[in-house]
Amino acid sequence: MRALGVLIAAAVLAGGFTPAPHADTSRVIRLISTFDHADVVIDREPYGAVSRGDVIVSFDRLANAAGQFGRARGAHVGHDRGVFRYLSPTRMRIDGWTSLPGGRMHVRSLVRPLRGGVVEIDVVGGTGAFAGAHGIVTVTPHPTTVRTLLVYRVRLS
C-alpha cells in the first residue's frame, strides 16, 4: 500500500514539472479586399504609366472571405493602406497596414510574384491581437481588377 502511495505522489510531482503544451499561435485569415481609392504621390516620366520611381498609396475595404472575427462571411471587418514604391514597371516594394478587429498587421517587403498573377508579401509585425505577427500574405486577383483575395498566414509571438 505504501508503494502505491509513493507511486501516486511521484506521478503527481512529475506532472507538476511537465511543461505545458504551447498554445497554437498560428492564424490563417481570409479576406476579400475591394479597391477604394489610390493617390499618386510621385509620377515619373512617362506620366500616367507605371514607371521606376513612382509612388502610389492605395486604400482598400476588407470583408470576411469566411466567417471569422465573430462575423459572417461577407461582413465588413476592416481596411488596409499600402504605399507602393516602384523599382521598375513590374517590381515594387510595399509598406502598409491592415486594420482588423482587435488590432493591425504591418506588411513590408518586395512584392514577390508567384503563379497566375498571385503575389506574396511579408507580414513583419502587428499591434493588439496581432502583436508580433510574422508570416506572409498572398494576394490573388479576382476576375475583376477591383477585388482580391488576401490570405494571411501568420504566427503571433
C-alpha atoms as a PDB file:
ATOM      1  CA  MET A   1       0.000   0.000   0.000  1.00  0.00           C
ATOM      2  CA  ARG A   2       2.844   2.338   0.858  1.00  0.00           C
ATOM      3  CA  ALA A   3       4.449   1.651  -2.567  1.00  0.00           C
ATOM      4  CA  LEU A   4       1.174   2.671  -4.259  1.00  0.00           C
ATOM      5  CA  GLY A   5       1.124   5.939  -2.270  1.00  0.00           C
ATOM      6  CA  VAL A   6       4.729   6.691  -3.261  1.00  0.00           C
ATOM      7  CA  LEU A   7       3.926   5.930  -6.908  1.00  0.00           C
ATOM      8  CA  ILE A   8       0.892   8.280  -6.858  1.00  0.00           C
ATOM      9  CA  ALA A   9       2.912  11.039  -5.128  1.00  0.00           C
ATOM     10  CA  ALA A  10       5.727  10.651  -7.670  1.00  0.00           C
ATOM     11  CA  ALA A  11       3.243  10.833 -10.545  1.00  0.00           C
ATOM     12  CA  VAL A  12       1.650  13.986  -9.098  1.00  0.00           C
ATOM     13  CA  LEU A  13       5.062  15.629  -8.595  1.00  0.00           C
ATOM     14  CA  ALA A  14       6.242  14.636 -12.077  1.00  0.00           C
ATOM     15  CA  GLY A  15       3.061  16.089 -13.536  1.00  0.00           C
ATOM     16  CA  GLY A  16       3.860  19.391 -11.877  1.00  0.00           C
ATOM     17  CA  PHE A  17       7.189  19.573 -13.711  1.00  0.00           C
ATOM     18  CA  THR A  18       5.872  18.586 -17.144  1.00  0.00           C
ATOM     19  CA  PRO A  19       5.999  21.524 -19.494  1.00  0.00           C
ATOM     20  CA  ALA A  20       2.583  22.766 -20.512  1.00  0.00           C
ATOM     21  CA  PRO A  21       1.795  22.329 -24.191  1.00  0.00           C
ATOM     22  CA  HIS A  22       2.348  25.540 -26.154  1.00  0.00           C
ATOM     23  CA  ALA A  23      -0.760  27.243 -27.444  1.00  0.00           C
ATOM     24  CA  ASP A  24      -1.004  27.292 -31.219  1.00  0.00           C
ATOM     25  CA  THR A  25      -0.106  30.827 -32.202  1.00  0.00           C
ATOM     26  CA  SER A  26      -0.574  30.422 -35.943  1.00  0.00           C
ATOM     27  CA  ARG A  27      -3.513  32.066 -37.710  1.00  0.00           C
ATOM     28  CA  VAL A  28      -4.934  31.950 -41.204  1.00  0.00           C
ATOM     29  CA  ILE A  29      -7.121  34.931 -42.083  1.00  0.00           C
ATOM     30  CA  ARG A  30      -9.023  35.082 -45.375  1.00  0.00           C
ATOM     31  CA  LEU A  31     -10.276  38.437 -46.611  1.00  0.00           C
ATOM     32  CA  ILE A  32     -11.793  39.971 -49.733  1.00  0.00           C
ATOM     33  CA  SER A  33     -10.154  43.295 -50.489  1.00  0.00           C
ATOM     34  CA  THR A  34     -12.151  45.796 -52.536  1.00  0.00           C
ATOM     35  CA  PHE A  35     -10.266  48.741 -54.005  1.00  0.00           C
ATOM     36  CA  ASP A  36     -11.466  52.045 -52.550  1.00  0.00           C
ATOM     37  CA  HIS A  37      -9.107  54.641 -53.999  1.00  0.00           C
ATOM     38  CA  ALA A  38      -5.464  55.445 -54.675  1.00  0.00           C
ATOM     39  CA  ASP A  39      -3.385  58.593 -54.572  1.00  0.00           C
ATOM     40  CA  VAL A  40      -0.421  59.037 -56.876  1.00  0.00           C
ATOM     41  CA  VAL A  41       2.236  60.646 -54.715  1.00  0.00           C
ATOM     42  CA  ILE A  42       5.029  60.643 -57.297  1.00  0.00           C
ATOM     43  CA  ASP A  43       4.528  60.162 -61.047  1.00  0.00           C
ATOM     44  CA  ARG A  44       7.785  59.995 -63.004  1.00  0.00           C
ATOM     45  CA  GLU A  45       8.060  60.028 -66.783  1.00  0.00           C
ATOM     46  CA  PRO A  46       6.349  58.598 -68.724  1.00  0.00           C
ATOM     47  CA  TYR A  47       3.475  60.322 -66.918  1.00  0.00           C
ATOM     48  CA  GLY A  48       0.307  58.307 -66.449  1.00  0.00           C
ATOM     49  CA  ALA A  49       2.095  54.959 -66.803  1.00  0.00           C
ATOM     50  CA  VAL A  50       3.710  52.970 -64.014  1.00  0.00           C
ATOM     51  CA  SER A  51       7.452  53.550 -64.093  1.00  0.00           C
ATOM     52  CA  ARG A  52      10.564  53.406 -61.915  1.00  0.00           C
ATOM     53  CA  GLY A  53      10.353  55.891 -59.047  1.00  0.00           C
ATOM     54  CA  ASP A  54       6.536  56.146 -58.997  1.00  0.00           C
ATOM     55  CA  VAL A  55       4.886  56.057 -55.568  1.00  0.00           C
ATOM     56  CA  ILE A  56       1.208  55.156 -55.159  1.00  0.00           C
ATOM     57  CA  VAL A  57      -0.796  54.949 -51.933  1.00  0.00           C
ATOM     58  CA  SER A  58      -3.716  52.520 -52.172  1.00  0.00           C
ATOM     59  CA  PHE A  59      -6.713  52.218 -49.827  1.00  0.00           C
ATOM     60  CA  ASP A  60      -8.991  49.139 -49.710  1.00  0.00           C
ATOM     61  CA  ARG A  61     -12.056  47.907 -47.805  1.00  0.00           C
ATOM     62  CA  LEU A  62     -11.855  44.429 -46.264  1.00  0.00           C
ATOM     63  CA  ALA A  63     -14.611  41.840 -45.840  1.00  0.00           C
ATOM     64  CA  ASN A  64     -14.567  38.296 -44.499  1.00  0.00           C
ATOM     65  CA  ALA A  65     -13.969  35.629 -47.159  1.00  0.00           C
ATOM     66  CA  ALA A  66     -15.097  33.153 -44.465  1.00  0.00           C
ATOM     67  CA  GLY A  67     -16.802  33.577 -41.100  1.00  0.00           C
ATOM     68  CA  GLN A  68     -14.209  34.952 -38.661  1.00  0.00           C
ATOM     69  CA  PHE A  69     -13.806  37.705 -36.047  1.00  0.00           C
ATOM     70  CA  GLY A  70     -17.262  36.698 -34.775  1.00  0.00           C
ATOM     71  CA  ARG A  71     -18.792  37.961 -38.034  1.00  0.00           C
ATOM     72  CA  ALA A  72     -20.325  36.229 -41.042  1.00  0.00           C
ATOM     73  CA  ARG A  73     -18.810  35.690 -44.461  1.00  0.00           C
ATOM     74  CA  GLY A  74     -19.042  38.920 -46.441  1.00  0.00           C
ATOM     75  CA  ALA A  75     -19.164  41.161 -43.344  1.00  0.00           C
ATOM     76  CA  HIS A  76     -17.059  44.336 -43.448  1.00  0.00           C
ATOM     77  CA  VAL A  77     -14.169  43.821 -40.993  1.00  0.00           C
ATOM     78  CA  GLY A  78     -11.584  46.493 -41.737  1.00  0.00           C
ATOM     79  CA  HIS A  79      -9.420  48.320 -44.227  1.00  0.00           C
ATOM     80  CA  ASP A  80      -5.857  48.492 -45.441  1.00  0.00           C
ATOM     81  CA  ARG A  81      -3.448  51.091 -46.746  1.00  0.00           C
ATOM     82  CA  GLY A  82      -0.287  50.414 -48.692  1.00  0.00           C
ATOM     83  CA  VAL A  83       2.481  52.608 -50.060  1.00  0.00           C
ATOM     84  CA  PHE A  84       3.834  51.097 -53.293  1.00  0.00           C
ATOM     85  CA  ARG A  85       7.275  52.254 -54.453  1.00  0.00           C
ATOM     86  CA  TYR A  86       8.010  51.089 -57.984  1.00  0.00           C
ATOM     87  CA  LEU A  87      11.539  49.851 -58.732  1.00  0.00           C
ATOM     88  CA  SER A  88      10.509  49.155 -62.338  1.00  0.00           C
ATOM     89  CA  PRO A  89       7.153  48.872 -64.119  1.00  0.00           C
ATOM     90  CA  THR A  90       6.864  45.283 -62.829  1.00  0.00           C
ATOM     91  CA  ARG A  91       8.768  45.341 -59.480  1.00  0.00           C
ATOM     92  CA  MET A  92       7.614  47.160 -56.387  1.00  0.00           C
ATOM     93  CA  ARG A  93       8.125  47.409 -52.654  1.00  0.00           C
ATOM     94  CA  ILE A  94       5.174  47.815 -50.287  1.00  0.00           C
ATOM     95  CA  ASP A  95       4.910  49.236 -46.783  1.00  0.00           C
ATOM     96  CA  GLY A  96       1.413  49.080 -45.351  1.00  0.00           C
ATOM     97  CA  TRP A  97      -1.047  48.323 -42.572  1.00  0.00           C
ATOM     98  CA  THR A  98      -4.083  46.055 -42.389  1.00  0.00           C
ATOM     99  CA  SER A  99      -6.610  47.158 -39.740  1.00  0.00           C
ATOM    100  CA  LEU A 100      -8.896  44.427 -38.406  1.00  0.00           C
ATOM    101  CA  PRO A 101     -10.997  43.871 -35.276  1.00  0.00           C
ATOM    102  CA  GLY A 102      -8.619  43.865 -32.319  1.00  0.00           C
ATOM    103  CA  GLY A 103      -5.510  45.256 -33.990  1.00  0.00           C
ATOM    104  CA  ARG A 104      -3.386  45.825 -37.053  1.00  0.00           C
ATOM    105  CA  MET A 105      -0.809  43.904 -39.085  1.00  0.00           C
ATOM    106  CA  HIS A 106       2.187  45.538 -40.762  1.00  0.00           C
ATOM    107  CA  VAL A 107       3.272  44.342 -44.218  1.00  0.00           C
ATOM    108  CA  ARG A 108       6.599  45.370 -45.731  1.00  0.00           C
ATOM    109  CA  SER A 109       8.699  43.727 -48.454  1.00  0.00           C
ATOM    110  CA  LEU A 110       9.291  43.417 -52.119  1.00  0.00           C
ATOM    111  CA  VAL A 111       6.112  42.181 -53.790  1.00  0.00           C
ATOM    112  CA  ARG A 112       7.078  38.684 -54.957  1.00  0.00           C
ATOM    113  CA  PRO A 113       5.233  37.292 -57.981  1.00  0.00           C
ATOM    114  CA  LEU A 114       4.045  33.677 -57.813  1.00  0.00           C
ATOM    115  CA  ARG A 115       1.973  31.870 -60.478  1.00  0.00           C
ATOM    116  CA  GLY A 116      -1.217  33.099 -62.128  1.00  0.00           C
ATOM    117  CA  GLY A 117      -0.951  36.730 -61.093  1.00  0.00           C
ATOM    118  CA  VAL A 118      -0.705  35.820 -57.393  1.00  0.00           C
ATOM    119  CA  VAL A 119       1.821  37.779 -55.328  1.00  0.00           C
ATOM    120  CA  GLU A 120       3.297  37.298 -51.854  1.00  0.00           C
ATOM    121  CA  ILE A 121       4.216  39.944 -49.267  1.00  0.00           C
ATOM    122  CA  ASP A 122       5.876  39.628 -45.846  1.00  0.00           C
ATOM    123  CA  VAL A 123       3.979  40.336 -42.622  1.00  0.00           C
ATOM    124  CA  VAL A 124       6.555  41.926 -40.310  1.00  0.00           C
ATOM    125  CA  GLY A 125       4.675  42.922 -37.157  1.00  0.00           C
ATOM    126  CA  GLY A 126       1.430  43.990 -35.618  1.00  0.00           C
ATOM    127  CA  THR A 127      -0.456  45.562 -32.749  1.00  0.00           C
ATOM    128  CA  GLY A 128      -3.202  44.450 -30.364  1.00  0.00           C
ATOM    129  CA  ALA A 129      -4.466  40.953 -31.179  1.00  0.00           C
ATOM    130  CA  PHE A 130      -1.796  40.763 -33.893  1.00  0.00           C
ATOM    131  CA  ALA A 131       1.175  41.866 -31.771  1.00  0.00           C
ATOM    132  CA  GLY A 132       4.345  40.218 -33.004  1.00  0.00           C
ATOM    133  CA  ALA A 133       2.707  38.871 -36.183  1.00  0.00           C
ATOM    134  CA  HIS A 134       5.179  37.452 -38.707  1.00  0.00           C
ATOM    135  CA  GLY A 135       4.457  35.481 -41.842  1.00  0.00           C
ATOM    136  CA  ILE A 136       3.129  36.101 -45.331  1.00  0.00           C
ATOM    137  CA  VAL A 137       0.056  37.309 -47.137  1.00  0.00           C
ATOM    138  CA  THR A 138      -0.789  36.014 -50.589  1.00  0.00           C
ATOM    139  CA  VAL A 139      -2.812  38.274 -52.872  1.00  0.00           C
ATOM    140  CA  THR A 140      -4.923  36.556 -55.537  1.00  0.00           C
ATOM    141  CA  PRO A 141      -6.746  38.718 -58.076  1.00  0.00           C
ATOM    142  CA  HIS A 142     -10.434  38.084 -58.786  1.00  0.00           C
ATOM    143  CA  PRO A 143     -11.654  38.269 -62.376  1.00  0.00           C
ATOM    144  CA  THR A 144     -12.334  41.960 -61.774  1.00  0.00           C
ATOM    145  CA  THR A 145      -9.454  44.288 -61.018  1.00  0.00           C
ATOM    146  CA  VAL A 146     -11.119  45.922 -58.027  1.00  0.00           C
ATOM    147  CA  ARG A 147     -11.219  42.799 -55.812  1.00  0.00           C
ATOM    148  CA  THR A 148      -8.561  40.446 -54.499  1.00  0.00           C
ATOM    149  CA  LEU A 149      -8.425  37.520 -52.095  1.00  0.00           C
ATOM    150  CA  LEU A 150      -5.960  38.082 -49.247  1.00  0.00           C
ATOM    151  CA  VAL A 151      -4.803  35.051 -47.258  1.00  0.00           C
ATOM    152  CA  TYR A 152      -2.688  35.888 -44.216  1.00  0.00           C
ATOM    153  CA  ARG A 153      -0.640  33.035 -42.731  1.00  0.00           C
ATOM    154  CA  VAL A 154       0.948  34.409 -39.582  1.00  0.00           C
ATOM    155  CA  ARG A 155       2.456  33.352 -36.293  1.00  0.00           C
ATOM    156  CA  LEU A 156       1.942  35.554 -33.273  1.00  0.00           C
ATOM    157  CA  SER A 157       4.660  35.958 -30.656  1.00  0.00           C
END
